[in-house]
């Protein structure tokens, strides 16, 4: 995580909607569409354990 924090910005809680030439258009946690500018997109997803 140190390298990620050093070289990248993590946008937690956002939902990616579309990739454009300017960056990624996302839905923010408060429901607004925002453009996160960039040249490279890294998509990191995870799962939660089923605890039932």
N, C-alpha and C. Protein backbone atom coordinates (compact mmCIF):
# COMPACT_ATOMS: atom_id res chain seq x y z
N UNK A 1 0.82 -1.20 0.00
CA UNK A 1 0.00 0.00 0.00
C UNK A 1 0.87 1.27 0.00
N UNK A 2 2.08 1.18 0.52
CA UNK A 2 2.94 2.36 0.50
C UNK A 2 3.19 2.83 -0.92
N UNK A 3 3.44 1.90 -1.85
CA UNK A 3 3.70 2.26 -3.24
C UNK A 3 2.44 2.86 -3.88
N UNK A 4 1.28 2.31 -3.57
CA UNK A 4 0.04 2.86 -4.10
C UNK A 4 -0.14 4.28 -3.61
N UNK A 5 0.05 4.50 -2.33
CA UNK A 5 -0.10 5.84 -1.77
C UNK A 5 0.93 6.81 -2.34
N UNK A 6 2.10 6.31 -2.69
CA UNK A 6 3.15 7.16 -3.21
C UNK A 6 2.88 7.59 -4.66
N UNK A 7 2.32 6.68 -5.47
CA UNK A 7 2.19 6.94 -6.90
C UNK A 7 0.77 7.06 -7.43
N UNK A 8 -0.23 6.77 -6.62
CA UNK A 8 -1.61 6.76 -7.13
C UNK A 8 -2.56 7.36 -6.11
N UNK A 9 -3.76 7.67 -6.58
CA UNK A 9 -4.82 8.15 -5.71
C UNK A 9 -5.94 7.11 -5.77
N UNK A 10 -6.37 6.62 -4.63
CA UNK A 10 -7.45 5.64 -4.58
C UNK A 10 -8.77 6.37 -4.35
N UNK A 11 -9.76 6.06 -5.16
CA UNK A 11 -11.09 6.65 -5.04
C UNK A 11 -12.03 5.55 -4.57
N UNK A 12 -12.13 5.40 -3.28
CA UNK A 12 -12.93 4.32 -2.70
C UNK A 12 -14.41 4.67 -2.73
N UNK A 13 -15.24 3.65 -2.93
CA UNK A 13 -16.68 3.85 -2.90
C UNK A 13 -17.27 4.38 -4.19
N UNK A 14 -16.45 4.57 -5.21
CA UNK A 14 -16.94 5.06 -6.49
C UNK A 14 -17.34 3.88 -7.38
N UNK A 15 -18.31 4.12 -8.26
CA UNK A 15 -18.72 3.13 -9.25
C UNK A 15 -18.34 3.64 -10.62
N UNK A 16 -17.50 2.90 -11.33
CA UNK A 16 -17.09 3.30 -12.67
C UNK A 16 -18.25 3.19 -13.64
N UNK A 17 -18.49 4.24 -14.42
CA UNK A 17 -19.58 4.25 -15.39
C UNK A 17 -19.06 4.10 -16.82
N UNK A 18 -18.00 4.85 -17.14
CA UNK A 18 -17.44 4.76 -18.49
C UNK A 18 -16.03 5.35 -18.50
N UNK A 19 -15.23 4.84 -19.42
CA UNK A 19 -13.87 5.33 -19.61
C UNK A 19 -13.87 6.25 -20.82
N UNK A 20 -13.28 7.43 -20.67
CA UNK A 20 -13.18 8.38 -21.77
C UNK A 20 -11.71 8.66 -22.03
N UNK A 21 -11.43 9.46 -23.03
CA UNK A 21 -10.04 9.84 -23.31
C UNK A 21 -9.46 10.70 -22.19
N UNK A 22 -10.32 11.35 -21.41
CA UNK A 22 -9.86 12.22 -20.33
C UNK A 22 -9.66 11.47 -19.01
N UNK A 23 -10.31 10.32 -18.84
CA UNK A 23 -10.23 9.58 -17.59
C UNK A 23 -11.43 8.67 -17.42
N UNK A 24 -11.91 8.54 -16.20
CA UNK A 24 -13.04 7.67 -15.90
C UNK A 24 -14.17 8.49 -15.29
N UNK A 25 -15.36 8.32 -15.83
CA UNK A 25 -16.55 8.96 -15.26
C UNK A 25 -17.11 7.97 -14.24
N UNK A 26 -17.27 8.44 -13.01
CA UNK A 26 -17.72 7.59 -11.91
C UNK A 26 -18.92 8.20 -11.21
N UNK A 27 -19.64 7.35 -10.51
CA UNK A 27 -20.68 7.81 -9.61
C UNK A 27 -20.06 7.81 -8.22
N UNK A 28 -20.03 8.97 -7.59
CA UNK A 28 -19.41 9.10 -6.27
C UNK A 28 -20.35 8.54 -5.20
N UNK A 29 -19.83 8.30 -4.00
CA UNK A 29 -20.69 7.78 -2.93
C UNK A 29 -21.92 8.64 -2.63
N UNK A 30 -21.84 9.96 -2.92
CA UNK A 30 -23.00 10.83 -2.67
C UNK A 30 -23.95 10.90 -3.87
N UNK A 31 -23.67 10.11 -4.93
CA UNK A 31 -24.58 10.01 -6.06
C UNK A 31 -24.27 10.90 -7.24
N UNK A 32 -23.26 11.75 -7.15
CA UNK A 32 -22.91 12.65 -8.24
C UNK A 32 -22.00 11.96 -9.24
N UNK A 33 -22.10 12.35 -10.52
CA UNK A 33 -21.16 11.89 -11.53
C UNK A 33 -19.94 12.79 -11.49
N UNK A 34 -18.76 12.17 -11.44
CA UNK A 34 -17.51 12.92 -11.40
C UNK A 34 -16.55 12.32 -12.42
N UNK A 35 -15.73 13.18 -13.02
CA UNK A 35 -14.67 12.73 -13.91
C UNK A 35 -13.40 12.65 -13.09
N UNK A 36 -12.80 11.48 -13.06
CA UNK A 36 -11.50 11.31 -12.42
C UNK A 36 -10.48 11.26 -13.55
N UNK A 37 -9.73 12.36 -13.73
CA UNK A 37 -8.81 12.44 -14.86
C UNK A 37 -7.63 11.49 -14.69
N UNK A 38 -7.13 11.00 -15.82
CA UNK A 38 -5.96 10.15 -15.78
C UNK A 38 -5.65 9.53 -17.12
N UNK A 39 -4.44 8.98 -17.22
CA UNK A 39 -3.98 8.30 -18.43
C UNK A 39 -4.06 6.79 -18.28
N UNK A 40 -4.00 6.31 -17.04
CA UNK A 40 -4.01 4.88 -16.76
C UNK A 40 -5.11 4.57 -15.77
N UNK A 41 -5.84 3.50 -16.02
CA UNK A 41 -6.92 3.08 -15.13
C UNK A 41 -6.56 1.73 -14.53
N UNK A 42 -6.61 1.62 -13.22
CA UNK A 42 -6.40 0.36 -12.53
C UNK A 42 -7.71 0.03 -11.82
N UNK A 43 -8.27 -1.10 -12.15
CA UNK A 43 -9.53 -1.51 -11.54
C UNK A 43 -9.23 -2.60 -10.52
N UNK A 44 -9.44 -2.28 -9.26
CA UNK A 44 -9.21 -3.25 -8.19
C UNK A 44 -10.55 -3.55 -7.52
N UNK A 45 -10.97 -4.79 -7.59
CA UNK A 45 -12.24 -5.18 -7.02
C UNK A 45 -12.02 -6.31 -6.03
N UNK A 46 -12.97 -6.50 -5.17
CA UNK A 46 -12.84 -7.55 -4.17
C UNK A 46 -14.19 -8.18 -3.89
N UNK A 47 -14.16 -9.12 -2.98
CA UNK A 47 -15.38 -9.80 -2.58
C UNK A 47 -15.43 -9.81 -1.06
N UNK A 48 -16.64 -9.93 -0.57
CA UNK A 48 -16.83 -10.11 0.86
C UNK A 48 -17.22 -11.55 1.11
N UNK A 49 -16.74 -12.09 2.19
CA UNK A 49 -17.03 -13.47 2.52
C UNK A 49 -18.51 -13.67 2.85
N UNK A 50 -19.05 -14.82 2.47
CA UNK A 50 -20.41 -15.18 2.85
C UNK A 50 -20.31 -15.77 4.25
N UNK A 51 -20.91 -15.13 5.21
CA UNK A 51 -20.77 -15.53 6.60
C UNK A 51 -22.02 -16.23 7.15
N UNK A 52 -23.00 -16.47 6.29
CA UNK A 52 -24.24 -17.08 6.74
C UNK A 52 -24.05 -18.58 7.05
